[in-house]
Amino acid sequence: MNSTVQEKRRFPRKQLDKPAEVLDNDTGLSIGILENVSRGGFSLVTDRGIRPSEVRNVTLILPGPHESQHNVSLIAECVWCQSINEEKDYAAGFSLCDIPEQDAVALNYFIRDYKVTG
């Protein structure tokens, strides 16, 4: 990741060690696997390029304790997307645009409580 992206972050990122899917709420299809998340945004790995400035209505399927999961729905804007292995996979960063209060609370608890295992 380049230093320009790093400098723009306002909130610490929570790295994930378990697969967490990101679903497009308009199509019901997966758009990628979550890499990290913060109160201000997230990054994912996807098999398709996403246009910067593209706004998506998504659900983050966040891992919980004992194989549980928490769904957090929000509106996010792609702020960067780059190829990570010869045009087959991409990494993309998103900024949160809108999140319902209940989902914001759930996301904040996840960020505070999630522990990387091993």
N, C-alpha and C. Protein backbone atom coordinates (compact mmCIF):
# COMPACT_ATOMS: atom_id res chain seq x y z
N MET A 1 0.85 -1.17 0.00
CA MET A 1 0.00 0.00 0.00
C MET A 1 0.89 1.23 0.00
N ASN A 2 0.50 2.24 -0.71
CA ASN A 2 1.36 3.42 -0.80
C ASN A 2 1.15 4.36 0.39
N SER A 3 2.15 5.21 0.63
CA SER A 3 2.11 6.10 1.80
C SER A 3 1.02 7.16 1.68
N THR A 4 0.62 7.53 0.47
CA THR A 4 -0.43 8.53 0.29
C THR A 4 -1.74 8.04 0.88
N VAL A 5 -2.08 6.77 0.63
CA VAL A 5 -3.30 6.20 1.19
C VAL A 5 -3.19 6.18 2.71
N GLN A 6 -2.05 5.75 3.23
CA GLN A 6 -1.83 5.67 4.67
C GLN A 6 -2.03 7.02 5.34
N GLU A 7 -1.52 8.09 4.74
CA GLU A 7 -1.59 9.42 5.32
C GLU A 7 -3.02 9.94 5.43
N LYS A 8 -3.94 9.47 4.61
CA LYS A 8 -5.30 9.96 4.61
C LYS A 8 -6.17 9.30 5.67
N ARG A 9 -5.70 8.24 6.31
CA ARG A 9 -6.51 7.52 7.28
C ARG A 9 -6.67 8.31 8.57
N ARG A 10 -7.90 8.37 9.05
CA ARG A 10 -8.18 9.06 10.30
C ARG A 10 -8.39 8.09 11.45
N PHE A 11 -8.68 6.83 11.14
CA PHE A 11 -8.98 5.84 12.16
C PHE A 11 -8.07 4.63 12.00
N PRO A 12 -7.67 3.99 13.10
CA PRO A 12 -6.85 2.78 12.98
C PRO A 12 -7.63 1.66 12.32
N ARG A 13 -6.92 0.86 11.53
CA ARG A 13 -7.54 -0.27 10.83
C ARG A 13 -7.42 -1.54 11.65
N LYS A 14 -8.46 -2.37 11.60
CA LYS A 14 -8.46 -3.68 12.25
C LYS A 14 -8.21 -4.72 11.17
N GLN A 15 -7.05 -5.39 11.23
CA GLN A 15 -6.73 -6.45 10.29
C GLN A 15 -7.56 -7.68 10.61
N LEU A 16 -7.99 -8.41 9.59
CA LEU A 16 -8.76 -9.63 9.79
C LEU A 16 -7.89 -10.83 9.44
N ASP A 17 -8.01 -11.90 10.22
CA ASP A 17 -7.27 -13.12 9.91
C ASP A 17 -8.20 -14.24 9.45
N LYS A 18 -9.50 -13.97 9.42
CA LYS A 18 -10.49 -14.93 8.93
C LYS A 18 -11.18 -14.33 7.71
N PRO A 19 -11.55 -15.16 6.74
CA PRO A 19 -12.26 -14.62 5.57
C PRO A 19 -13.57 -13.95 5.98
N ALA A 20 -13.80 -12.77 5.45
CA ALA A 20 -15.03 -12.02 5.72
C ALA A 20 -15.50 -11.46 4.39
N GLU A 21 -16.67 -11.90 3.96
CA GLU A 21 -17.17 -11.50 2.65
C GLU A 21 -17.79 -10.11 2.67
N VAL A 22 -17.72 -9.45 1.53
CA VAL A 22 -18.40 -8.17 1.31
C VAL A 22 -19.42 -8.42 0.20
N LEU A 23 -20.70 -8.22 0.53
CA LEU A 23 -21.77 -8.46 -0.43
C LEU A 23 -22.31 -7.16 -0.99
N ASP A 24 -22.63 -7.17 -2.27
CA ASP A 24 -23.30 -6.05 -2.92
C ASP A 24 -24.79 -6.19 -2.62
N ASN A 25 -25.37 -5.24 -1.91
CA ASN A 25 -26.78 -5.34 -1.52
C ASN A 25 -27.73 -5.21 -2.70
N ASP A 26 -27.28 -4.62 -3.79
CA ASP A 26 -28.14 -4.47 -4.96
C ASP A 26 -28.25 -5.75 -5.78
N THR A 27 -27.19 -6.57 -5.77
CA THR A 27 -27.21 -7.80 -6.55
C THR A 27 -27.24 -9.06 -5.69
N GLY A 28 -26.85 -8.94 -4.42
CA GLY A 28 -26.76 -10.10 -3.54
C GLY A 28 -25.48 -10.90 -3.74
N LEU A 29 -24.61 -10.44 -4.64
CA LEU A 29 -23.38 -11.18 -4.96
C LEU A 29 -22.20 -10.65 -4.17
N SER A 30 -21.23 -11.54 -3.97
CA SER A 30 -20.00 -11.14 -3.29
C SER A 30 -19.18 -10.24 -4.21
N ILE A 31 -18.62 -9.16 -3.64
CA ILE A 31 -17.72 -8.32 -4.43
C ILE A 31 -16.28 -8.50 -3.99
N GLY A 32 -16.06 -9.23 -2.88
CA GLY A 32 -14.70 -9.46 -2.45
C GLY A 32 -14.59 -9.94 -1.02
N ILE A 33 -13.33 -10.07 -0.58
CA ILE A 33 -13.01 -10.52 0.77
C ILE A 33 -12.37 -9.36 1.53
N LEU A 34 -12.93 -9.07 2.68
CA LEU A 34 -12.47 -7.96 3.52
C LEU A 34 -11.06 -8.25 4.04
N GLU A 35 -10.18 -7.26 3.91
CA GLU A 35 -8.82 -7.36 4.47
C GLU A 35 -8.72 -6.66 5.81
N ASN A 36 -9.24 -5.43 5.87
CA ASN A 36 -9.22 -4.67 7.11
C ASN A 36 -10.38 -3.68 7.11
N VAL A 37 -10.67 -3.17 8.31
CA VAL A 37 -11.82 -2.29 8.46
C VAL A 37 -11.53 -1.28 9.57
N SER A 38 -12.11 -0.10 9.43
CA SER A 38 -12.02 0.93 10.47
C SER A 38 -13.36 1.64 10.55
N ARG A 39 -13.46 2.60 11.45
CA ARG A 39 -14.69 3.39 11.55
C ARG A 39 -14.89 4.26 10.32
N GLY A 40 -13.85 4.47 9.52
CA GLY A 40 -13.95 5.34 8.37
C GLY A 40 -13.92 4.65 7.01
N GLY A 41 -13.61 3.34 7.00
CA GLY A 41 -13.53 2.66 5.71
C GLY A 41 -13.04 1.24 5.83
N PHE A 42 -12.77 0.63 4.68
CA PHE A 42 -12.29 -0.75 4.66
C PHE A 42 -11.55 -1.00 3.36
N SER A 43 -10.79 -2.09 3.33
CA SER A 43 -10.19 -2.53 2.07
C SER A 43 -10.54 -3.98 1.85
N LEU A 44 -10.58 -4.35 0.59
CA LEU A 44 -10.93 -5.72 0.23
C LEU A 44 -10.09 -6.19 -0.94
N VAL A 45 -10.09 -7.50 -1.15
CA VAL A 45 -9.47 -8.11 -2.32
C VAL A 45 -10.61 -8.63 -3.18
N THR A 46 -10.53 -8.37 -4.48
CA THR A 46 -11.61 -8.74 -5.39
C THR A 46 -11.02 -9.27 -6.70
N ASP A 47 -11.83 -9.98 -7.45
CA ASP A 47 -11.36 -10.50 -8.74
C ASP A 47 -11.75 -9.59 -9.91
N ARG A 48 -12.26 -8.39 -9.59
CA ARG A 48 -12.62 -7.44 -10.64
C ARG A 48 -12.23 -6.03 -10.19
N GLY A 49 -11.86 -5.23 -11.14
CA GLY A 49 -11.53 -3.84 -10.84
C GLY A 49 -12.77 -3.07 -10.43
N ILE A 50 -12.60 -2.15 -9.50
CA ILE A 50 -13.68 -1.28 -9.07
C ILE A 50 -13.24 0.15 -9.34
N ARG A 51 -14.09 0.91 -10.00
CA ARG A 51 -13.77 2.27 -10.41
C ARG A 51 -13.71 3.20 -9.20
N PRO A 52 -12.59 3.91 -8.98
CA PRO A 52 -12.58 4.92 -7.92
C PRO A 52 -13.72 5.91 -8.13
N SER A 53 -14.34 6.32 -7.06
CA SER A 53 -15.52 7.18 -6.97
C SER A 53 -16.82 6.39 -7.13
N GLU A 54 -16.74 5.10 -7.43
CA GLU A 54 -17.94 4.26 -7.52
C GLU A 54 -18.51 4.08 -6.11
N VAL A 55 -19.80 4.30 -5.94
CA VAL A 55 -20.47 4.16 -4.65
C VAL A 55 -21.23 2.84 -4.63
N ARG A 56 -21.04 2.07 -3.56
CA ARG A 56 -21.67 0.75 -3.45
C ARG A 56 -22.47 0.65 -2.15
N ASN A 57 -23.60 -0.04 -2.24
CA ASN A 57 -24.43 -0.39 -1.09
C ASN A 57 -24.03 -1.81 -0.71
N VAL A 58 -23.34 -2.00 0.41
CA VAL A 58 -22.75 -3.30 0.73
C VAL A 58 -23.10 -3.76 2.14
N THR A 59 -22.89 -5.06 2.36
CA THR A 59 -22.95 -5.65 3.70
C THR A 59 -21.62 -6.32 3.97
N LEU A 60 -21.01 -5.98 5.10
CA LEU A 60 -19.80 -6.65 5.56
C LEU A 60 -20.24 -7.81 6.44
N ILE A 61 -19.78 -9.02 6.12
CA ILE A 61 -20.09 -10.20 6.92
C ILE A 61 -18.90 -10.40 7.86
N LEU A 62 -18.99 -9.86 9.06
CA LEU A 62 -17.86 -9.83 9.98
C LEU A 62 -17.84 -11.07 10.88
N PRO A 63 -16.66 -11.66 11.06
CA PRO A 63 -16.57 -12.85 11.92
C PRO A 63 -16.77 -12.51 13.38
N GLY A 64 -17.45 -13.39 14.08
CA GLY A 64 -17.67 -13.22 15.52
C GLY A 64 -17.12 -14.41 16.27
N PRO A 65 -17.29 -14.41 17.59
CA PRO A 65 -16.79 -15.52 18.39
C PRO A 65 -17.57 -16.81 18.11
N HIS A 66 -16.90 -17.92 18.28
CA HIS A 66 -17.54 -19.24 18.15
C HIS A 66 -18.22 -19.44 16.80
N GLU A 67 -17.53 -19.06 15.73
CA GLU A 67 -18.03 -19.25 14.35
C GLU A 67 -19.28 -18.43 14.04
N SER A 68 -19.62 -17.44 14.86
CA SER A 68 -20.77 -16.58 14.57
C SER A 68 -20.35 -15.50 13.57
N GLN A 69 -21.32 -14.74 13.11
CA GLN A 69 -21.02 -13.63 12.21
C GLN A 69 -21.95 -12.47 12.49
N HIS A 70 -21.50 -11.27 12.12
CA HIS A 70 -22.29 -10.06 12.28
C HIS A 70 -22.37 -9.38 10.92
N ASN A 71 -23.57 -9.01 10.51
CA ASN A 71 -23.76 -8.32 9.24
C ASN A 71 -23.89 -6.83 9.49
N VAL A 72 -23.07 -6.05 8.77
CA VAL A 72 -23.10 -4.60 8.90
C VAL A 72 -23.32 -4.02 7.51
N SER A 73 -24.44 -3.32 7.32
CA SER A 73 -24.77 -2.73 6.02
C SER A 73 -24.39 -1.26 6.01
N LEU A 74 -23.90 -0.80 4.85
CA LEU A 74 -23.46 0.59 4.74
C LEU A 74 -23.31 0.99 3.28
N ILE A 75 -23.16 2.28 3.06
CA ILE A 75 -22.87 2.83 1.74
C ILE A 75 -21.40 3.27 1.77
N ALA A 76 -20.63 2.85 0.76
CA ALA A 76 -19.21 3.18 0.73
C ALA A 76 -18.79 3.60 -0.67
N GLU A 77 -17.78 4.47 -0.74
CA GLU A 77 -17.23 4.93 -2.01
C GLU A 77 -15.83 4.39 -2.19
N CYS A 78 -15.56 3.82 -3.36
CA CYS A 78 -14.21 3.35 -3.67
C CYS A 78 -13.29 4.56 -3.83
N VAL A 79 -12.17 4.55 -3.09
CA VAL A 79 -11.24 5.67 -3.19
C VAL A 79 -9.95 5.28 -3.92
N TRP A 80 -9.68 3.98 -4.04
CA TRP A 80 -8.54 3.51 -4.82
C TRP A 80 -8.75 2.04 -5.17
N CYS A 81 -8.14 1.61 -6.25
CA CYS A 81 -8.18 0.21 -6.67
C CYS A 81 -6.92 -0.05 -7.48
N GLN A 82 -6.22 -1.14 -7.16
CA GLN A 82 -4.99 -1.46 -7.90
C GLN A 82 -4.85 -2.96 -8.08
N SER A 83 -4.24 -3.33 -9.18
CA SER A 83 -3.96 -4.73 -9.47
C SER A 83 -2.91 -5.23 -8.49
N ILE A 84 -3.09 -6.45 -7.98
CA ILE A 84 -2.11 -6.98 -7.04
C ILE A 84 -1.38 -8.21 -7.56
N ASN A 85 -1.83 -8.79 -8.67
CA ASN A 85 -1.08 -9.91 -9.25
C ASN A 85 -1.42 -10.11 -10.72
N GLU A 86 -0.72 -9.38 -11.54
CA GLU A 86 -0.83 -9.51 -12.99
C GLU A 86 -2.27 -9.43 -13.49
N GLU A 87 -3.03 -8.46 -12.97
CA GLU A 87 -4.39 -8.17 -13.45
C GLU A 87 -5.43 -9.23 -13.09
N LYS A 88 -5.10 -10.23 -12.25
CA LYS A 88 -6.09 -11.25 -11.90
C LYS A 88 -6.86 -10.90 -10.64
N ASP A 89 -6.23 -10.24 -9.70
CA ASP A 89 -6.88 -9.81 -8.47
C ASP A 89 -6.57 -8.35 -8.23
N TYR A 90 -7.45 -7.71 -7.48
CA TYR A 90 -7.31 -6.29 -7.17
C TYR A 90 -7.49 -6.07 -5.68
N ALA A 91 -6.85 -5.05 -5.18
CA ALA A 91 -7.11 -4.55 -3.84
C ALA A 91 -7.82 -3.22 -4.03
N ALA A 92 -8.84 -2.97 -3.20
CA ALA A 92 -9.60 -1.73 -3.31
C ALA A 92 -9.87 -1.18 -1.92
N GLY A 93 -9.79 0.14 -1.80
CA GLY A 93 -10.08 0.80 -0.54
C GLY A 93 -11.35 1.62 -0.66
N PHE A 94 -12.16 1.57 0.38
CA PHE A 94 -13.44 2.27 0.41
C PHE A 94 -13.54 3.19 1.61
N SER A 95 -14.20 4.31 1.42
CA SER A 95 -14.50 5.25 2.48
C SER A 95 -15.99 5.13 2.80
N LEU A 96 -16.34 5.08 4.09
CA LEU A 96 -17.75 5.00 4.47
C LEU A 96 -18.45 6.31 4.18
N CYS A 97 -19.59 6.24 3.49
CA CYS A 97 -20.40 7.42 3.17
C CYS A 97 -21.59 7.53 4.11
N ASP A 98 -22.25 6.41 4.37
CA ASP A 98 -23.45 6.41 5.20
C ASP A 98 -23.60 5.04 5.83
N ILE A 99 -23.94 5.04 7.12
CA ILE A 99 -24.14 3.79 7.84
C ILE A 99 -25.24 4.02 8.87
N PRO A 100 -26.26 3.15 8.90
CA PRO A 100 -27.31 3.30 9.91
C PRO A 100 -26.70 3.22 11.32
N GLU A 101 -27.32 3.91 12.26
CA GLU A 101 -26.77 4.00 13.62
C GLU A 101 -26.53 2.62 14.24
N GLN A 102 -27.49 1.70 14.08
CA GLN A 102 -27.35 0.37 14.66
C GLN A 102 -26.14 -0.36 14.06
N ASP A 103 -25.92 -0.21 12.76
CA ASP A 103 -24.77 -0.85 12.12
C ASP A 103 -23.47 -0.17 12.53
N ALA A 104 -23.49 1.15 12.74
CA ALA A 104 -22.30 1.86 13.20
C ALA A 104 -21.89 1.37 14.58
N VAL A 105 -22.86 1.17 15.45
CA VAL A 105 -22.57 0.65 16.80
C VAL A 105 -21.98 -0.75 16.69
N ALA A 106 -22.58 -1.61 15.87
CA ALA A 106 -22.07 -2.98 15.69
C ALA A 106 -20.64 -2.97 15.13
N LEU A 107 -20.37 -2.08 14.17
CA LEU A 107 -19.04 -1.98 13.59
C LEU A 107 -18.03 -1.51 14.64
N ASN A 108 -18.40 -0.53 15.44
CA ASN A 108 -17.50 -0.05 16.49
C ASN A 108 -17.19 -1.14 17.51
N TYR A 109 -18.19 -1.94 17.91
CA TYR A 109 -17.94 -3.05 18.83
C TYR A 109 -17.02 -4.08 18.18
N PHE A 110 -17.24 -4.37 16.91
CA PHE A 110 -16.38 -5.33 16.21
C PHE A 110 -14.93 -4.85 16.22
N ILE A 111 -14.72 -3.60 15.86
CA ILE A 111 -13.37 -3.04 15.80
C ILE A 111 -12.72 -3.09 17.19
N ARG A 112 -13.48 -2.79 18.21
CA ARG A 112 -12.93 -2.80 19.57
C ARG A 112 -12.63 -4.23 20.05
N ASP A 113 -13.52 -5.20 19.74
CA ASP A 113 -13.44 -6.52 20.37
C ASP A 113 -12.79 -7.61 19.54
N TYR A 114 -12.69 -7.44 18.22
CA TYR A 114 -12.16 -8.52 17.38
C TYR A 114 -10.69 -8.79 17.71
N LYS A 115 -10.39 -10.06 17.91
CA LYS A 115 -9.01 -10.48 18.22
C LYS A 115 -8.51 -11.39 17.11
N VAL A 116 -7.33 -11.08 16.60
CA VAL A 116 -6.67 -11.94 15.62
C VAL A 116 -6.23 -13.20 16.34
N THR A 117 -6.53 -14.36 15.76
CA THR A 117 -6.20 -15.64 16.41
C THR A 117 -5.08 -16.33 15.68
N GLY A 118 -3.92 -16.29 16.23
CA GLY A 118 -2.80 -17.05 15.69
C GLY A 118 -2.20 -16.42 14.55
